[in-house]
Amino acid sequence: MERFFRRMPLDKPVIRNNYFIQVVKPSDIKVTDIDPEELGWSESTNGAEDEFVHGHGHSAEPAAYIAPATLRLRTERQTLRRLPRTGAIIFGIRTYLFKMEELAEERGVAGRLGSAIRSWPDDVGMYKGRKMYRDVLLRYLDERAERHGQKKGQRGIRIRT
């Protein structure tokens, strides 16, 4: 990474987009109103922040409250840009959360998202915590896709990992 940062030019920002499924606590068991959607840290998905070990999958046990209402599509746009005067590198991140129940009502989205989740290799699925929500989410997405006349796992526009 150090070599990458040293060679990063002024005129070419680095942009990265990612997505994963996040679990949030239902409103009736929120501990705090500070971050009810868990934008800053998803304890429901990743376990306690102080105990998280990056690269070793998700440490949280599957919660009893996993349901379409507690699932979010979390997507992040991350950017790196070198400043011209100082040469310092700025890291910016913009996070978006979409409620699964709202997202799945968009025509074609449920089938494409279900297909994308099924297509993740095992290591990607582990990294994204798929075991936690797979059964509940895929059943829900399949039902929504069928309701919209889309076949189970039907592809449309590819969603990149």
C-alpha atoms as a PDB file:
ATOM      1  CA  MET A   1       0.000   0.000   0.000  1.00  0.00           C
ATOM      2  CA  GLU A   2       2.827   2.366   0.777  1.00  0.00           C
ATOM      3  CA  ARG A   3       4.189   2.009  -2.762  1.00  0.00           C
ATOM      4  CA  PHE A   4       0.693   2.512  -4.186  1.00  0.00           C
ATOM      5  CA  PHE A   5       0.279   5.729  -2.182  1.00  0.00           C
ATOM      6  CA  ARG A   6       3.726   7.032  -3.144  1.00  0.00           C
ATOM      7  CA  ARG A   7       2.959   6.565  -6.844  1.00  0.00           C
ATOM      8  CA  MET A   8      -0.568   7.929  -6.759  1.00  0.00           C
ATOM      9  CA  PRO A   9      -0.761  10.815  -9.266  1.00  0.00           C
ATOM     10  CA  LEU A  10      -2.451  14.167  -8.673  1.00  0.00           C
ATOM     11  CA  ASP A  11      -4.744  13.987 -11.664  1.00  0.00           C
ATOM     12  CA  LYS A  12      -6.198  10.477 -11.197  1.00  0.00           C
ATOM     13  CA  PRO A  13      -8.392   9.891  -8.162  1.00  0.00           C
ATOM     14  CA  VAL A  14      -9.047   6.283  -7.235  1.00  0.00           C
ATOM     15  CA  ILE A  15     -12.713   5.382  -6.958  1.00  0.00           C
ATOM     16  CA  ARG A  16     -14.068   2.132  -5.534  1.00  0.00           C
ATOM     17  CA  ASN A  17     -17.670   1.033  -5.107  1.00  0.00           C
ATOM     18  CA  ASN A  18     -18.822  -1.930  -3.061  1.00  0.00           C
ATOM     19  CA  TYR A  19     -21.979  -3.384  -1.618  1.00  0.00           C
ATOM     20  CA  PHE A  20     -23.080  -5.907   0.957  1.00  0.00           C
ATOM     21  CA  ILE A  21     -26.102  -6.831   3.016  1.00  0.00           C
ATOM     22  CA  GLN A  22     -26.373  -5.322   6.467  1.00  0.00           C
ATOM     23  CA  VAL A  23     -28.617  -6.372   9.315  1.00  0.00           C
ATOM     24  CA  VAL A  24     -30.056  -3.726  11.637  1.00  0.00           C
ATOM     25  CA  LYS A  25     -31.878  -4.179  14.903  1.00  0.00           C
ATOM     26  CA  PRO A  26     -35.648  -3.746  14.772  1.00  0.00           C
ATOM     27  CA  SER A  27     -36.899  -0.477  16.223  1.00  0.00           C
ATOM     28  CA  ASP A  28     -38.423  -2.172  19.276  1.00  0.00           C
ATOM     29  CA  ILE A  29     -34.992  -3.315  20.560  1.00  0.00           C
ATOM     30  CA  LYS A  30     -32.818  -0.306  19.726  1.00  0.00           C
ATOM     31  CA  VAL A  31     -30.388   0.476  22.506  1.00  0.00           C
ATOM     32  CA  THR A  32     -29.652   3.990  21.266  1.00  0.00           C
ATOM     33  CA  ASP A  33     -31.120   6.540  18.906  1.00  0.00           C
ATOM     34  CA  ILE A  34     -27.662   7.841  17.966  1.00  0.00           C
ATOM     35  CA  ASP A  35     -27.225   5.455  15.003  1.00  0.00           C
ATOM     36  CA  PRO A  36     -30.419   3.375  14.605  1.00  0.00           C
ATOM     37  CA  GLU A  37     -29.537   2.281  11.054  1.00  0.00           C
ATOM     38  CA  GLU A  38     -25.999   1.359  12.161  1.00  0.00           C
ATOM     39  CA  LEU A  39     -24.365   3.553   9.514  1.00  0.00           C
ATOM     40  CA  GLY A  40     -21.173   4.000  11.508  1.00  0.00           C
ATOM     41  CA  TRP A  41     -20.701   0.380  12.600  1.00  0.00           C
ATOM     42  CA  SER A  42     -23.064  -2.534  12.112  1.00  0.00           C
ATOM     43  CA  GLU A  43     -22.898  -4.456  15.354  1.00  0.00           C
ATOM     44  CA  SER A  44     -25.832  -6.584  14.201  1.00  0.00           C
ATOM     45  CA  THR A  45     -23.827  -7.738  11.172  1.00  0.00           C
ATOM     46  CA  ASN A  46     -20.205  -7.632  12.354  1.00  0.00           C
ATOM     47  CA  GLY A  47     -20.419  -8.129  16.094  1.00  0.00           C
ATOM     48  CA  ALA A  48     -18.826  -5.769  18.594  1.00  0.00           C
ATOM     49  CA  GLU A  49     -16.465  -3.272  16.942  1.00  0.00           C
ATOM     50  CA  ASP A  50     -13.737  -3.895  19.537  1.00  0.00           C
ATOM     51  CA  GLU A  51     -13.792  -7.642  18.779  1.00  0.00           C
ATOM     52  CA  PHE A  52     -13.888  -7.491  14.968  1.00  0.00           C
ATOM     53  CA  VAL A  53     -11.019  -9.152  13.102  1.00  0.00           C
ATOM     54  CA  HIS A  54     -10.890  -7.992   9.487  1.00  0.00           C
ATOM     55  CA  GLY A  55     -10.631 -10.773   6.932  1.00  0.00           C
ATOM     56  CA  HIS A  56     -11.962 -13.496   9.209  1.00  0.00           C
ATOM     57  CA  GLY A  57     -15.598 -13.334   8.265  1.00  0.00           C
ATOM     58  CA  HIS A  58     -18.341 -11.870  10.360  1.00  0.00           C
ATOM     59  CA  SER A  59     -18.165 -12.564  14.054  1.00  0.00           C
ATOM     60  CA  ALA A  60     -21.770 -11.889  14.986  1.00  0.00           C
ATOM     61  CA  GLU A  61     -24.015 -14.866  15.503  1.00  0.00           C
ATOM     62  CA  PRO A  62     -27.119 -14.859  13.303  1.00  0.00           C
ATOM     63  CA  ALA A  63     -29.696 -12.751  15.108  1.00  0.00           C
ATOM     64  CA  ALA A  64     -33.168 -14.043  15.835  1.00  0.00           C
ATOM     65  CA  TYR A  65     -34.594 -10.836  14.344  1.00  0.00           C
ATOM     66  CA  ILE A  66     -33.307 -11.327  10.786  1.00  0.00           C
ATOM     67  CA  ALA A  67     -36.218 -10.583   8.474  1.00  0.00           C
ATOM     68  CA  PRO A  68     -36.721  -8.565   5.292  1.00  0.00           C
ATOM     69  CA  ALA A  69     -37.582  -5.558   7.510  1.00  0.00           C
ATOM     70  CA  THR A  70     -34.157  -5.677   9.205  1.00  0.00           C
ATOM     71  CA  LEU A  71     -32.068  -6.143   6.049  1.00  0.00           C
ATOM     72  CA  ARG A  72     -30.410  -3.299   4.162  1.00  0.00           C
ATOM     73  CA  LEU A  73     -28.356  -3.076   1.001  1.00  0.00           C
ATOM     74  CA  ARG A  74     -25.325  -1.061   2.038  1.00  0.00           C
ATOM     75  CA  THR A  75     -23.276   0.450  -0.719  1.00  0.00           C
ATOM     76  CA  GLU A  76     -20.204   2.626  -0.371  1.00  0.00           C
ATOM     77  CA  ARG A  77     -18.382   4.906  -2.751  1.00  0.00           C
ATOM     78  CA  GLN A  78     -14.801   5.306  -1.621  1.00  0.00           C
ATOM     79  CA  THR A  79     -12.377   7.799  -3.146  1.00  0.00           C
ATOM     80  CA  LEU A  80      -8.685   8.557  -2.758  1.00  0.00           C
ATOM     81  CA  ARG A  81      -7.280  11.831  -4.081  1.00  0.00           C
ATOM     82  CA  ARG A  82      -3.828  13.374  -3.788  1.00  0.00           C
ATOM     83  CA  LEU A  83      -3.785  17.074  -2.910  1.00  0.00           C
ATOM     84  CA  PRO A  84      -1.620  19.223  -5.209  1.00  0.00           C
ATOM     85  CA  ARG A  85       0.141  21.485  -2.675  1.00  0.00           C
ATOM     86  CA  THR A  86       0.934  19.098   0.159  1.00  0.00           C
ATOM     87  CA  GLY A  87       0.819  15.740  -1.611  1.00  0.00           C
ATOM     88  CA  ALA A  88      -1.404  14.450   1.198  1.00  0.00           C
ATOM     89  CA  ILE A  89      -4.007  11.850   0.251  1.00  0.00           C
ATOM     90  CA  ILE A  90      -7.632  12.372   1.178  1.00  0.00           C
ATOM     91  CA  PHE A  91      -9.857   9.338   1.725  1.00  0.00           C
ATOM     92  CA  GLY A  92     -13.547   9.982   1.304  1.00  0.00           C
ATOM     93  CA  ILE A  93     -16.410   7.584   1.806  1.00  0.00           C
ATOM     94  CA  ARG A  94     -20.101   7.995   1.077  1.00  0.00           C
ATOM     95  CA  THR A  95     -22.414   5.345   2.474  1.00  0.00           C
ATOM     96  CA  TYR A  96     -25.941   4.609   1.286  1.00  0.00           C
ATOM     97  CA  LEU A  97     -28.413   2.248   2.955  1.00  0.00           C
ATOM     98  CA  PHE A  98     -31.497   0.962   1.168  1.00  0.00           C
ATOM     99  CA  LYS A  99     -34.260  -0.922   2.952  1.00  0.00           C
ATOM    100  CA  MET A 100     -34.603  -4.351   1.385  1.00  0.00           C
ATOM    101  CA  GLU A 101     -38.391  -4.199   1.462  1.00  0.00           C
ATOM    102  CA  GLU A 102     -38.347  -0.979  -0.586  1.00  0.00           C
ATOM    103  CA  LEU A 103     -35.555  -2.061  -2.913  1.00  0.00           C
ATOM    104  CA  ALA A 104     -37.206  -5.390  -3.749  1.00  0.00           C
ATOM    105  CA  GLU A 105     -40.311  -3.556  -4.974  1.00  0.00           C
ATOM    106  CA  GLU A 106     -38.314  -2.053  -7.854  1.00  0.00           C
ATOM    107  CA  ARG A 107     -39.108  -4.134 -10.907  1.00  0.00           C
ATOM    108  CA  GLY A 108     -36.290  -6.557 -11.723  1.00  0.00           C
ATOM    109  CA  VAL A 109     -34.131  -5.775  -8.701  1.00  0.00           C
ATOM    110  CA  ALA A 110     -35.124  -8.768  -6.553  1.00  0.00           C
ATOM    111  CA  GLY A 111     -34.189 -11.329  -9.205  1.00  0.00           C
ATOM    112  CA  ARG A 112     -30.905  -9.633 -10.073  1.00  0.00           C
ATOM    113  CA  LEU A 113     -29.858  -9.199  -6.457  1.00  0.00           C
ATOM    114  CA  GLY A 114     -30.754 -12.807  -5.620  1.00  0.00           C
ATOM    115  CA  SER A 115     -28.744 -13.979  -8.626  1.00  0.00           C
ATOM    116  CA  ALA A 116     -25.763 -11.854  -7.584  1.00  0.00           C
ATOM    117  CA  ILE A 117     -25.807 -13.197  -4.008  1.00  0.00           C
ATOM    118  CA  ARG A 118     -26.007 -16.793  -5.276  1.00  0.00           C
ATOM    119  CA  SER A 119     -23.075 -16.161  -7.635  1.00  0.00           C
ATOM    120  CA  TRP A 120     -20.624 -15.093  -4.924  1.00  0.00           C
ATOM    121  CA  PRO A 121     -17.790 -17.604  -4.520  1.00  0.00           C
ATOM    122  CA  ASP A 122     -17.595 -19.090  -1.019  1.00  0.00           C
ATOM    123  CA  ASP A 123     -14.780 -16.774   0.086  1.00  0.00           C
ATOM    124  CA  VAL A 124     -16.718 -13.688  -1.031  1.00  0.00           C
ATOM    125  CA  GLY A 125     -19.885 -15.011   0.625  1.00  0.00           C
ATOM    126  CA  MET A 126     -17.988 -15.515   3.872  1.00  0.00           C
ATOM    127  CA  TYR A 127     -16.460 -12.028   3.671  1.00  0.00           C
ATOM    128  CA  LYS A 128     -19.903 -10.513   3.080  1.00  0.00           C
ATOM    129  CA  GLY A 129     -21.506 -12.524   5.931  1.00  0.00           C
ATOM    130  CA  ARG A 130     -23.924 -14.371   3.621  1.00  0.00           C
ATOM    131  CA  LYS A 131     -24.523 -17.286   6.013  1.00  0.00           C
ATOM    132  CA  MET A 132     -26.188 -14.899   8.438  1.00  0.00           C
ATOM    133  CA  TYR A 133     -29.030 -13.799   6.139  1.00  0.00           C
ATOM    134  CA  ARG A 134     -28.889 -16.115   3.093  1.00  0.00           C
ATOM    135  CA  ASP A 135     -31.979 -18.243   3.690  1.00  0.00           C
ATOM    136  CA  VAL A 136     -34.264 -15.412   4.787  1.00  0.00           C
ATOM    137  CA  LEU A 137     -33.104 -12.971   2.118  1.00  0.00           C
ATOM    138  CA  LEU A 138     -33.039 -15.345  -0.849  1.00  0.00           C
ATOM    139  CA  ARG A 139     -36.500 -16.702  -0.022  1.00  0.00           C
ATOM    140  CA  TYR A 140     -37.800 -13.128   0.168  1.00  0.00           C
ATOM    141  CA  LEU A 141     -36.080 -12.012  -3.047  1.00  0.00           C
ATOM    142  CA  ASP A 142     -37.383 -15.080  -4.903  1.00  0.00           C
ATOM    143  CA  GLU A 143     -40.934 -14.322  -3.729  1.00  0.00           C
ATOM    144  CA  ARG A 144     -40.626 -10.673  -4.837  1.00  0.00           C
ATOM    145  CA  ALA A 145     -39.111 -11.658  -8.199  1.00  0.00           C
ATOM    146  CA  GLU A 146     -41.915 -14.150  -8.823  1.00  0.00           C
ATOM    147  CA  ARG A 147     -44.488 -11.525  -7.912  1.00  0.00           C
ATOM    148  CA  HIS A 148     -42.956  -9.229 -10.542  1.00  0.00           C
ATOM    149  CA  GLY A 149     -42.977 -12.000 -13.153  1.00  0.00           C
ATOM    150  CA  GLN A 150     -39.252 -12.621 -13.008  1.00  0.00           C
ATOM    151  CA  LYS A 151     -37.913 -16.164 -12.798  1.00  0.00           C
ATOM    152  CA  LYS A 152     -35.880 -17.277  -9.782  1.00  0.00           C
ATOM    153  CA  GLY A 153     -32.286 -16.116 -10.210  1.00  0.00           C
ATOM    154  CA  GLN A 154     -33.031 -14.427 -13.543  1.00  0.00           C
ATOM    155  CA  ARG A 155     -30.246 -12.125 -14.561  1.00  0.00           C
ATOM    156  CA  GLY A 156     -30.642  -8.622 -15.789  1.00  0.00           C
ATOM    157  CA  ILE A 157     -28.125  -5.887 -15.214  1.00  0.00           C
ATOM    158  CA  ARG A 158     -25.151  -7.392 -13.399  1.00  0.00           C
ATOM    159  CA  ILE A 159     -24.488  -6.189  -9.864  1.00  0.00           C
ATOM    160  CA  ARG A 160     -20.727  -6.212  -9.238  1.00  0.00           C
ATOM    161  CA  THR A 161     -19.158  -7.375  -5.969  1.00  0.00           C
END
